[in-house]
Amino acid sequence: MTRLFRHPPALFGLLLLTLLTLSALLAGQAESWLGFDAESLDLSAMLAPPSAAHPLGTDELGRDMLVRLLHGGRVSLLVGLTTAAIAAALGTLVGLFAGLRGGIADALLMRLTDGVIALPLLPLLIVLGALDPAKLGLPPESLRSETAGLARIVIIIALVGWTTVARLVRAATLSLKHQDFVRAAQALGMSPARLMWKHLLPNVASPMIVATCLSVGNIILLESALSFLGLGVQPPMASWGNMLTGALQQLFSAPILAVWPGGLIFVTVLSFNLLGDGLQEALDPRGRR
């Protein structure tokens, strides 16, 4: 991992992510310092310019922009990291099983992966996001909570976001299962599950980690797009995507309302991509500067 510290863009991305994460964690303290919460309305201070009371001004409903940006960062980072972890776990399981078993199981799982990849991603997410979970037999009371809304977005994106990790892990598993240490473990009677956990998983961790890190930025973009279309995180909960939706009506009168969340989305995605590139170089044993 020392190579990571010799990669300036990766260090820059890691620094930005650290600052963004700390800012999101301090959202609650920012409310107490400023005396506002993310959902408190002040119609007498609508579209107020930056001031001592409101360092970044207020939005179209008089809500403090700084507090809402911090809360929006907490939501976007939580959705991005949680979804990436779930998608990586699912993709790793599929890739390990397909690569180790081979034959019909490999063919079926890879055709399923190809089918998911071939689907138009954003239209599919829009359709899934527009589905009414109450019609699936879920109790309506449980769907109104903020946690249920976030869980719905995580599940929807994770269902289509596992394919890249699955293909990478399968390719690595196919090259590893013919190695001597894997053949020796199989000759000793090690079960397939233990073989995957003890021998294959540690050796496919590098491409899995890199692909997961690079996917976080795309997931944040997808969540922002769904929230922008009104199918993601619902108001009054703040996310960068629905903040852009609220700023759309004031795009010409107060364009700064769109600049702040849009700029933070850009910086976050860029940071994850820079960190992913650095990890790819640091974890590649053949990498040379």
C-alpha atoms as a PDB file:
ATOM      1  CA  MET A   1       0.000   0.000   0.000  1.00  0.00           C
ATOM      2  CA  THR A   2       3.006   2.291   0.078  1.00  0.00           C
ATOM      3  CA  ARG A   3       2.491   2.830  -3.648  1.00  0.00           C
ATOM      4  CA  LEU A   4      -0.757   4.601  -2.852  1.00  0.00           C
ATOM      5  CA  PHE A   5       1.168   7.314  -1.023  1.00  0.00           C
ATOM      6  CA  ARG A   6       3.323   7.819  -4.135  1.00  0.00           C
ATOM      7  CA  HIS A   7       0.267   8.561  -6.250  1.00  0.00           C
ATOM      8  CA  PRO A   8      -0.586  12.292  -5.777  1.00  0.00           C
ATOM      9  CA  PRO A   9      -4.031  12.163  -7.462  1.00  0.00           C
ATOM     10  CA  ALA A  10      -5.060   9.271  -5.208  1.00  0.00           C
ATOM     11  CA  LEU A  11      -3.875  11.125  -2.116  1.00  0.00           C
ATOM     12  CA  PHE A  12      -5.790  14.194  -3.269  1.00  0.00           C
ATOM     13  CA  GLY A  13      -8.929  12.091  -3.726  1.00  0.00           C
ATOM     14  CA  LEU A  14      -8.459  10.482  -0.298  1.00  0.00           C
ATOM     15  CA  LEU A  15      -8.055  13.925   1.299  1.00  0.00           C
ATOM     16  CA  LEU A  16     -11.224  15.208  -0.347  1.00  0.00           C
ATOM     17  CA  LEU A  17     -13.171  12.142   0.735  1.00  0.00           C
ATOM     18  CA  THR A  18     -11.917  12.528   4.290  1.00  0.00           C
ATOM     19  CA  LEU A  19     -13.075  16.144   4.371  1.00  0.00           C
ATOM     20  CA  LEU A  20     -16.459  15.257   2.887  1.00  0.00           C
ATOM     21  CA  THR A  21     -16.958  12.400   5.360  1.00  0.00           C
ATOM     22  CA  LEU A  22     -16.017  14.546   8.352  1.00  0.00           C
ATOM     23  CA  SER A  23     -18.348  17.286   7.143  1.00  0.00           C
ATOM     24  CA  ALA A  24     -21.212  14.815   6.830  1.00  0.00           C
ATOM     25  CA  LEU A  25     -20.542  13.427  10.306  1.00  0.00           C
ATOM     26  CA  LEU A  26     -20.588  16.954  11.735  1.00  0.00           C
ATOM     27  CA  ALA A  27     -24.010  17.778  10.262  1.00  0.00           C
ATOM     28  CA  GLY A  28     -25.684  17.435  13.662  1.00  0.00           C
ATOM     29  CA  GLN A  29     -23.144  19.701  15.337  1.00  0.00           C
ATOM     30  CA  ALA A  30     -23.584  22.271  12.574  1.00  0.00           C
ATOM     31  CA  GLU A  31     -27.286  22.462  13.413  1.00  0.00           C
ATOM     32  CA  SER A  32     -26.546  23.311  17.032  1.00  0.00           C
ATOM     33  CA  TRP A  33     -23.842  25.828  16.099  1.00  0.00           C
ATOM     34  CA  LEU A  34     -26.038  27.688  13.602  1.00  0.00           C
ATOM     35  CA  GLY A  35     -29.318  27.212  15.420  1.00  0.00           C
ATOM     36  CA  PHE A  36     -31.107  25.713  12.386  1.00  0.00           C
ATOM     37  CA  ASP A  37     -32.006  22.217  11.362  1.00  0.00           C
ATOM     38  CA  ALA A  38     -32.178  20.903   7.818  1.00  0.00           C
ATOM     39  CA  GLU A  39     -35.990  21.033   7.658  1.00  0.00           C
ATOM     40  CA  SER A  40     -36.847  24.271   9.506  1.00  0.00           C
ATOM     41  CA  LEU A  41     -38.620  26.801   7.279  1.00  0.00           C
ATOM     42  CA  ASP A  42     -38.242  30.558   7.426  1.00  0.00           C
ATOM     43  CA  LEU A  43     -40.426  32.152   4.766  1.00  0.00           C
ATOM     44  CA  SER A  44     -39.201  35.609   5.762  1.00  0.00           C
ATOM     45  CA  ALA A  45     -35.637  34.663   4.720  1.00  0.00           C
ATOM     46  CA  MET A  46     -36.283  32.991   1.372  1.00  0.00           C
ATOM     47  CA  LEU A  47     -33.309  33.132  -1.037  1.00  0.00           C
ATOM     48  CA  ALA A  48     -31.309  35.155   1.464  1.00  0.00           C
ATOM     49  CA  PRO A  49     -27.680  35.873   0.468  1.00  0.00           C
ATOM     50  CA  PRO A  50     -24.752  34.558   2.535  1.00  0.00           C
ATOM     51  CA  SER A  51     -24.557  36.155   5.965  1.00  0.00           C
ATOM     52  CA  ALA A  52     -23.296  35.470   9.461  1.00  0.00           C
ATOM     53  CA  ALA A  53     -26.517  33.639  10.293  1.00  0.00           C
ATOM     54  CA  HIS A  54     -26.569  31.709   7.007  1.00  0.00           C
ATOM     55  CA  PRO A  55     -22.981  31.264   5.706  1.00  0.00           C
ATOM     56  CA  LEU A  56     -24.160  29.932   2.323  1.00  0.00           C
ATOM     57  CA  GLY A  57     -27.526  31.676   2.225  1.00  0.00           C
ATOM     58  CA  THR A  58     -30.946  30.044   2.188  1.00  0.00           C
ATOM     59  CA  ASP A  59     -33.000  28.136  -0.376  1.00  0.00           C
ATOM     60  CA  GLU A  60     -36.427  28.840  -1.867  1.00  0.00           C
ATOM     61  CA  LEU A  61     -38.141  27.934   1.438  1.00  0.00           C
ATOM     62  CA  GLY A  62     -35.757  29.795   3.732  1.00  0.00           C
ATOM     63  CA  ARG A  63     -33.857  26.671   4.836  1.00  0.00           C
ATOM     64  CA  ASP A  64     -30.175  27.033   5.626  1.00  0.00           C
ATOM     65  CA  MET A  65     -28.103  25.841   2.657  1.00  0.00           C
ATOM     66  CA  LEU A  66     -25.021  24.835   4.646  1.00  0.00           C
ATOM     67  CA  VAL A  67     -26.951  22.537   6.989  1.00  0.00           C
ATOM     68  CA  ARG A  68     -28.880  20.975   4.106  1.00  0.00           C
ATOM     69  CA  LEU A  69     -25.682  20.393   2.119  1.00  0.00           C
ATOM     70  CA  LEU A  70     -24.116  18.626   5.083  1.00  0.00           C
ATOM     71  CA  HIS A  71     -27.187  16.440   5.564  1.00  0.00           C
ATOM     72  CA  GLY A  72     -27.353  15.806   1.828  1.00  0.00           C
ATOM     73  CA  GLY A  73     -23.736  14.674   1.893  1.00  0.00           C
ATOM     74  CA  ARG A  74     -24.529  12.242   4.696  1.00  0.00           C
ATOM     75  CA  VAL A  75     -27.362  10.714   2.649  1.00  0.00           C
ATOM     76  CA  SER A  76     -25.418  10.553  -0.623  1.00  0.00           C
ATOM     77  CA  LEU A  77     -22.308   9.019   0.958  1.00  0.00           C
ATOM     78  CA  LEU A  78     -24.399   6.538   2.948  1.00  0.00           C
ATOM     79  CA  VAL A  79     -26.304   5.425  -0.144  1.00  0.00           C
ATOM     80  CA  GLY A  80     -23.124   5.234  -2.248  1.00  0.00           C
ATOM     81  CA  LEU A  81     -21.030   3.249   0.208  1.00  0.00           C
ATOM     82  CA  THR A  82     -23.811   0.927   1.379  1.00  0.00           C
ATOM     83  CA  THR A  83     -24.970   0.148  -2.149  1.00  0.00           C
ATOM     84  CA  ALA A  84     -21.408  -0.433  -3.360  1.00  0.00           C
ATOM     85  CA  ALA A  85     -20.756  -2.839  -0.478  1.00  0.00           C
ATOM     86  CA  ILE A  86     -23.950  -4.838  -1.125  1.00  0.00           C
ATOM     87  CA  ALA A  87     -23.343  -4.943  -4.881  1.00  0.00           C
ATOM     88  CA  ALA A  88     -19.724  -6.016  -4.328  1.00  0.00           C
ATOM     89  CA  ALA A  89     -20.770  -8.818  -1.970  1.00  0.00           C
ATOM     90  CA  LEU A  90     -23.365 -10.097  -4.436  1.00  0.00           C
ATOM     91  CA  GLY A  91     -21.013  -9.805  -7.416  1.00  0.00           C
ATOM     92  CA  THR A  92     -18.185 -11.520  -5.553  1.00  0.00           C
ATOM     93  CA  LEU A  93     -20.423 -14.423  -4.584  1.00  0.00           C
ATOM     94  CA  VAL A  94     -21.644 -14.863  -8.157  1.00  0.00           C
ATOM     95  CA  GLY A  95     -18.147 -14.550  -9.630  1.00  0.00           C
ATOM     96  CA  LEU A  96     -16.549 -16.990  -7.190  1.00  0.00           C
ATOM     97  CA  PHE A  97     -19.253 -19.605  -7.639  1.00  0.00           C
ATOM     98  CA  ALA A  98     -19.322 -19.300 -11.433  1.00  0.00           C
ATOM     99  CA  GLY A  99     -15.549 -19.407 -11.782  1.00  0.00           C
ATOM    100  CA  LEU A 100     -15.021 -22.314  -9.403  1.00  0.00           C
ATOM    101  CA  ARG A 101     -17.892 -24.552 -10.542  1.00  0.00           C
ATOM    102  CA  GLY A 102     -17.695 -23.844 -14.272  1.00  0.00           C
ATOM    103  CA  GLY A 103     -19.892 -25.781 -16.670  1.00  0.00           C
ATOM    104  CA  ILE A 104     -23.626 -25.128 -16.737  1.00  0.00           C
ATOM    105  CA  ALA A 105     -23.590 -23.043 -13.544  1.00  0.00           C
ATOM    106  CA  ASP A 106     -20.955 -20.717 -15.013  1.00  0.00           C
ATOM    107  CA  ALA A 107     -22.842 -20.419 -18.308  1.00  0.00           C
ATOM    108  CA  LEU A 108     -26.176 -19.635 -16.639  1.00  0.00           C
ATOM    109  CA  LEU A 109     -24.755 -17.075 -14.220  1.00  0.00           C
ATOM    110  CA  MET A 110     -22.767 -15.301 -16.928  1.00  0.00           C
ATOM    111  CA  ARG A 111     -25.788 -15.164 -19.235  1.00  0.00           C
ATOM    112  CA  LEU A 112     -27.741 -13.648 -16.352  1.00  0.00           C
ATOM    113  CA  THR A 113     -24.925 -11.130 -15.891  1.00  0.00           C
ATOM    114  CA  ASP A 114     -24.907 -10.312 -19.601  1.00  0.00           C
ATOM    115  CA  GLY A 115     -28.663  -9.831 -19.509  1.00  0.00           C
ATOM    116  CA  VAL A 116     -28.452  -7.359 -16.625  1.00  0.00           C
ATOM    117  CA  ILE A 117     -25.632  -5.480 -18.369  1.00  0.00           C
ATOM    118  CA  ALA A 118     -27.695  -5.273 -21.578  1.00  0.00           C
ATOM    119  CA  LEU A 119     -30.617  -3.581 -19.799  1.00  0.00           C
ATOM    120  CA  PRO A 120     -30.879   0.223 -20.235  1.00  0.00           C
ATOM    121  CA  LEU A 121     -29.784   1.283 -16.765  1.00  0.00           C
ATOM    122  CA  LEU A 122     -31.408   4.648 -16.135  1.00  0.00           C
ATOM    123  CA  PRO A 123     -34.822   3.793 -17.652  1.00  0.00           C
ATOM    124  CA  LEU A 124     -34.824   0.553 -15.655  1.00  0.00           C
ATOM    125  CA  LEU A 125     -34.058   2.416 -12.425  1.00  0.00           C
ATOM    126  CA  ILE A 126     -36.808   4.915 -13.195  1.00  0.00           C
ATOM    127  CA  VAL A 127     -39.322   2.089 -13.674  1.00  0.00           C
ATOM    128  CA  LEU A 128     -38.216   0.329 -10.472  1.00  0.00           C
ATOM    129  CA  GLY A 129     -38.235   3.595  -8.549  1.00  0.00           C
ATOM    130  CA  ALA A 130     -41.775   4.378  -9.736  1.00  0.00           C
ATOM    131  CA  LEU A 131     -43.172   1.041  -8.514  1.00  0.00           C
ATOM    132  CA  ASP A 132     -45.535   1.270  -5.568  1.00  0.00           C
ATOM    133  CA  PRO A 133     -44.195  -1.067  -2.859  1.00  0.00           C
ATOM    134  CA  ALA A 134     -47.627  -1.138  -1.212  1.00  0.00           C
ATOM    135  CA  LYS A 135     -48.897  -3.176  -4.166  1.00  0.00           C
ATOM    136  CA  LEU A 136     -46.287  -5.825  -3.349  1.00  0.00           C
ATOM    137  CA  GLY A 137     -47.952  -6.520  -0.011  1.00  0.00           C
ATOM    138  CA  LEU A 138     -45.688  -4.354   2.152  1.00  0.00           C
ATOM    139  CA  PRO A 139     -47.411  -2.437   4.984  1.00  0.00           C
ATOM    140  CA  PRO A 140     -47.891   1.228   3.986  1.00  0.00           C
ATOM    141  CA  GLU A 141     -46.821   2.479   7.420  1.00  0.00           C
ATOM    142  CA  SER A 142     -43.336   1.004   7.002  1.00  0.00           C
ATOM    143  CA  LEU A 143     -42.830   2.747   3.653  1.00  0.00           C
ATOM    144  CA  ARG A 144     -43.197   6.280   4.952  1.00  0.00           C
ATOM    145  CA  SER A 145     -40.120   6.289   7.149  1.00  0.00           C
ATOM    146  CA  GLU A 146     -36.902   7.870   5.966  1.00  0.00           C
ATOM    147  CA  THR A 147     -34.984   4.643   6.571  1.00  0.00           C
ATOM    148  CA  ALA A 148     -37.373   2.705   4.340  1.00  0.00           C
ATOM    149  CA  GLY A 149     -36.908   5.256   1.556  1.00  0.00           C
ATOM    150  CA  LEU A 150     -33.139   4.984   1.712  1.00  0.00           C
ATOM    151  CA  ALA A 151     -33.283   1.180   1.862  1.00  0.00           C
ATOM    152  CA  ARG A 152     -35.457   1.166  -1.245  1.00  0.00           C
ATOM    153  CA  ILE A 153     -32.904   3.196  -3.212  1.00  0.00           C
ATOM    154  CA  VAL A 154     -30.033   1.001  -2.001  1.00  0.00           C
ATOM    155  CA  ILE A 155     -31.822  -2.202  -3.015  1.00  0.00           C
ATOM    156  CA  ILE A 156     -32.862  -0.873  -6.429  1.00  0.00           C
ATOM    157  CA  ILE A 157     -29.366   0.254  -7.415  1.00  0.00           C
ATOM    158  CA  ALA A 158     -27.645  -2.800  -5.891  1.00  0.00           C
ATOM    159  CA  LEU A 159     -29.853  -5.125  -7.965  1.00  0.00           C
ATOM    160  CA  VAL A 160     -28.234  -3.836 -11.170  1.00  0.00           C
ATOM    161  CA  GLY A 161     -24.814  -2.772  -9.886  1.00  0.00           C
ATOM    162  CA  TRP A 162     -23.159  -6.124  -9.152  1.00  0.00           C
ATOM    163  CA  THR A 163     -22.270  -7.181 -12.689  1.00  0.00           C
ATOM    164  CA  THR A 164     -18.848  -5.520 -13.031  1.00  0.00           C
ATOM    165  CA  VAL A 165     -17.531  -7.088  -9.828  1.00  0.00           C
ATOM    166  CA  ALA A 166     -18.980 -10.476 -10.827  1.00  0.00           C
ATOM    167  CA  ARG A 167     -17.149 -10.535 -14.162  1.00  0.00           C
ATOM    168  CA  LEU A 168     -13.849  -9.390 -12.647  1.00  0.00           C
ATOM    169  CA  VAL A 169     -14.001 -11.919  -9.804  1.00  0.00           C
ATOM    170  CA  ARG A 170     -14.961 -14.729 -12.193  1.00  0.00           C
ATOM    171  CA  ALA A 171     -12.008 -13.951 -14.458  1.00  0.00           C
ATOM    172  CA  ALA A 172      -9.625 -13.943 -11.481  1.00  0.00           C
ATOM    173  CA  THR A 173     -11.133 -17.181 -10.141  1.00  0.00           C
ATOM    174  CA  LEU A 174     -10.726 -18.948 -13.490  1.00  0.00           C
ATOM    175  CA  SER A 175      -7.005 -18.177 -13.440  1.00  0.00           C
ATOM    176  CA  LEU A 176      -6.602 -19.140  -9.787  1.00  0.00           C
ATOM    177  CA  LYS A 177      -8.442 -22.470  -9.715  1.00  0.00           C
ATOM    178  CA  HIS A 178      -5.722 -24.132 -11.795  1.00  0.00           C
ATOM    179  CA  GLN A 179      -2.963 -23.014  -9.428  1.00  0.00           C
ATOM    180  CA  ASP A 180      -1.161 -25.611  -7.361  1.00  0.00           C
ATOM    181  CA  PHE A 181      -2.354 -24.351  -3.972  1.00  0.00           C
ATOM    182  CA  VAL A 182      -6.000 -24.625  -5.082  1.00  0.00           C
ATOM    183  CA  ARG A 183      -5.494 -28.121  -6.492  1.00  0.00           C
ATOM    184  CA  ALA A 184      -3.756 -29.165  -3.271  1.00  0.00           C
ATOM    185  CA  ALA A 185      -6.673 -27.870  -1.178  1.00  0.00           C
ATOM    186  CA  GLN A 186      -9.139 -29.755  -3.362  1.00  0.00           C
ATOM    187  CA  ALA A 187      -7.053 -32.942  -3.120  1.00  0.00           C
ATOM    188  CA  LEU A 188      -7.152 -32.677   0.674  1.00  0.00           C
ATOM    189  CA  GLY A 189     -10.946 -32.670   0.555  1.00  0.00           C
ATOM    190  CA  MET A 190     -11.588 -29.003   1.363  1.00  0.00           C
ATOM    191  CA  SER A 191     -15.209 -28.041   0.767  1.00  0.00           C
ATOM    192  CA  PRO A 192     -15.986 -25.531  -2.029  1.00  0.00           C
ATOM    193  CA  ALA A 193     -17.305 -22.971   0.453  1.00  0.00           C
ATOM    194  CA  ARG A 194     -14.161 -23.147   2.597  1.00  0.00           C
ATOM    195  CA  LEU A 195     -11.985 -23.091  -0.521  1.00  0.00           C
ATOM    196  CA  MET A 196     -13.645 -19.894  -1.723  1.00  0.00           C
ATOM    197  CA  TRP A 197     -13.379 -18.250   1.691  1.00  0.00           C
ATOM    198  CA  LYS A 198      -9.854 -19.280   2.643  1.00  0.00           C
ATOM    199  CA  HIS A 199      -8.003 -19.334  -0.679  1.00  0.00           C
ATOM    200  CA  LEU A 200      -9.871 -17.683  -3.527  1.00  0.00           C
ATOM    201  CA  LEU A 201     -11.415 -14.641  -1.833  1.00  0.00           C
ATOM    202  CA  PRO A 202      -8.112 -13.196  -0.491  1.00  0.00           C
ATOM    203  CA  ASN A 203      -6.571 -13.512  -3.951  1.00  0.00           C
ATOM    204  CA  VAL A 204      -9.427 -11.790  -5.790  1.00  0.00           C
ATOM    205  CA  ALA A 205      -9.749  -8.997  -3.237  1.00  0.00           C
ATOM    206  CA  SER A 206      -7.627  -6.505  -5.195  1.00  0.00           C
ATOM    207  CA  PRO A 207      -9.793  -6.217  -8.334  1.00  0.00           C
ATOM    208  CA  MET A 208     -12.909  -6.387  -6.164  1.00  0.00           C
ATOM    209  CA  ILE A 209     -11.800  -3.461  -3.976  1.00  0.00           C
ATOM    210  CA  VAL A 210     -10.819  -1.336  -6.976  1.00  0.00           C
ATOM    211  CA  ALA A 211     -14.065  -2.009  -8.833  1.00  0.00           C
ATOM    212  CA  THR A 212     -16.102  -1.280  -5.703  1.00  0.00           C
ATOM    213  CA  CYS A 213     -14.316   2.007  -5.089  1.00  0.00           C
ATOM    214  CA  LEU A 214     -14.820   3.098  -8.683  1.00  0.00           C
ATOM    215  CA  SER A 215     -18.507   2.156  -8.548  1.00  0.00           C
ATOM    216  CA  VAL A 216     -19.297   4.433  -5.594  1.00  0.00           C
ATOM    217  CA  GLY A 217     -19.093   7.533  -7.772  1.00  0.00           C
ATOM    218  CA  ASN A 218     -21.480   6.060 -10.338  1.00  0.00           C
ATOM    219  CA  ILE A 219     -23.909   5.035  -7.598  1.00  0.00           C
ATOM    220  CA  ILE A 220     -23.944   8.561  -6.175  1.00  0.00           C
ATOM    221  CA  LEU A 221     -24.692   9.875  -9.666  1.00  0.00           C
ATOM    222  CA  LEU A 222     -27.550   7.382 -10.059  1.00  0.00           C
ATOM    223  CA  GLU A 223     -29.008   8.279  -6.671  1.00  0.00           C
ATOM    224  CA  SER A 224     -28.764  11.969  -7.540  1.00  0.00           C
ATOM    225  CA  ALA A 225     -30.479  11.365 -10.884  1.00  0.00           C
ATOM    226  CA  LEU A 226     -33.325   9.438  -9.235  1.00  0.00           C
ATOM    227  CA  SER A 227     -33.730  12.091  -6.544  1.00  0.00           C
ATOM    228  CA  PHE A 228     -33.652  14.797  -9.214  1.00  0.00           C
ATOM    229  CA  LEU A 229     -36.513  13.020 -11.007  1.00  0.00           C
ATOM    230  CA  GLY A 230     -38.470  12.717  -7.761  1.00  0.00           C
ATOM    231  CA  LEU A 231     -38.020   8.937  -7.489  1.00  0.00           C
ATOM    232  CA  GLY A 232     -35.195   8.824  -4.973  1.00  0.00           C
ATOM    233  CA  VAL A 233     -34.800  10.449  -1.562  1.00  0.00           C
ATOM    234  CA  GLN A 234     -38.019  12.331  -0.864  1.00  0.00           C
ATOM    235  CA  PRO A 235     -38.308  15.780   0.740  1.00  0.00           C
ATOM    236  CA  PRO A 236     -38.082  17.015   3.403  1.00  0.00           C
ATOM    237  CA  MET A 237     -35.012  14.763   3.777  1.00  0.00           C
ATOM    238  CA  ALA A 238     -32.127  16.506   2.079  1.00  0.00           C
ATOM    239  CA  SER A 239     -29.999  14.916  -0.609  1.00  0.00           C
ATOM    240  CA  TRP A 240     -27.901  16.597  -3.236  1.00  0.00           C
ATOM    241  CA  GLY A 241     -30.186  15.264  -5.957  1.00  0.00           C
ATOM    242  CA  ASN A 242     -33.453  16.627  -4.592  1.00  0.00           C
ATOM    243  CA  MET A 243     -31.695  19.892  -3.710  1.00  0.00           C
ATOM    244  CA  LEU A 244     -30.973  20.243  -7.426  1.00  0.00           C
ATOM    245  CA  THR A 245     -34.664  19.600  -8.091  1.00  0.00           C
ATOM    246  CA  GLY A 246     -35.651  22.392  -5.730  1.00  0.00           C
ATOM    247  CA  ALA A 247     -33.121  24.742  -7.328  1.00  0.00           C
ATOM    248  CA  LEU A 248     -34.506  24.131 -10.814  1.00  0.00           C
ATOM    249  CA  GLN A 249     -37.309  26.676 -10.388  1.00  0.00           C
ATOM    250  CA  GLN A 250     -34.815  29.358  -9.330  1.00  0.00           C
ATOM    251  CA  LEU A 251     -32.163  28.495 -11.902  1.00  0.00           C
ATOM    252  CA  PHE A 252     -32.062  32.015 -13.346  1.00  0.00           C
ATOM    253  CA  SER A 253     -32.933  34.052 -10.258  1.00  0.00           C
ATOM    254  CA  ALA A 254     -30.663  32.156  -7.841  1.00  0.00           C
ATOM    255  CA  PRO A 255     -28.296  29.852  -9.784  1.00  0.00           C
ATOM    256  CA  ILE A 256     -26.067  29.417  -6.734  1.00  0.00           C
ATOM    257  CA  LEU A 257     -28.692  27.011  -5.303  1.00  0.00           C
ATOM    258  CA  ALA A 258     -27.792  24.539  -8.056  1.00  0.00           C
ATOM    259  CA  VAL A 259     -24.053  25.247  -7.978  1.00  0.00           C
ATOM    260  CA  TRP A 260     -23.502  24.032  -4.409  1.00  0.00           C
ATOM    261  CA  PRO A 261     -25.067  20.541  -4.625  1.00  0.00           C
ATOM    262  CA  GLY A 262     -23.913  20.046  -8.211  1.00  0.00           C
ATOM    263  CA  GLY A 263     -20.363  21.007  -7.301  1.00  0.00           C
ATOM    264  CA  LEU A 264     -20.324  18.641  -4.328  1.00  0.00           C
ATOM    265  CA  ILE A 265     -21.583  15.764  -6.481  1.00  0.00           C
ATOM    266  CA  PHE A 266     -18.796  16.490  -8.961  1.00  0.00           C
ATOM    267  CA  VAL A 267     -16.111  16.649  -6.266  1.00  0.00           C
ATOM    268  CA  THR A 268     -17.306  13.447  -4.577  1.00  0.00           C
ATOM    269  CA  VAL A 269     -17.422  11.430  -7.792  1.00  0.00           C
ATOM    270  CA  LEU A 270     -14.020  12.768  -8.841  1.00  0.00           C
ATOM    271  CA  SER A 271     -12.544  11.860  -5.447  1.00  0.00           C
ATOM    272  CA  PHE A 272     -13.721   8.252  -5.602  1.00  0.00           C
ATOM    273  CA  ASN A 273     -12.417   7.889  -9.158  1.00  0.00           C
ATOM    274  CA  LEU A 274      -9.003   9.276  -8.211  1.00  0.00           C
ATOM    275  CA  LEU A 275      -8.824   6.990  -5.184  1.00  0.00           C
ATOM    276  CA  GLY A 276      -9.869   4.006  -7.286  1.00  0.00           C
ATOM    277  CA  ASP A 277      -7.124   4.709  -9.837  1.00  0.00           C
ATOM    278  CA  GLY A 278      -4.576   4.935  -7.049  1.00  0.00           C
ATOM    279  CA  LEU A 279      -5.745   1.673  -5.483  1.00  0.00           C
ATOM    280  CA  GLN A 280      -5.566  -0.035  -8.858  1.00  0.00           C
ATOM    281  CA  GLU A 281      -1.926   0.942  -9.191  1.00  0.00           C
ATOM    282  CA  ALA A 282      -1.064   0.186  -5.563  1.00  0.00           C
ATOM    283  CA  LEU A 283      -2.702  -3.258  -5.504  1.00  0.00           C
ATOM    284  CA  ASP A 284      -1.417  -4.397  -8.891  1.00  0.00           C
ATOM    285  CA  PRO A 285       1.737  -6.478  -8.248  1.00  0.00           C
ATOM    286  CA  ARG A 286       2.895  -5.773 -11.789  1.00  0.00           C
ATOM    287  CA  GLY A 287       2.391  -2.022 -11.445  1.00  0.00           C
ATOM    288  CA  ARG A 288       5.436   0.150 -12.022  1.00  0.00           C
ATOM    289  CA  ARG A 289       5.794   3.888 -12.018  1.00  0.00           C
END
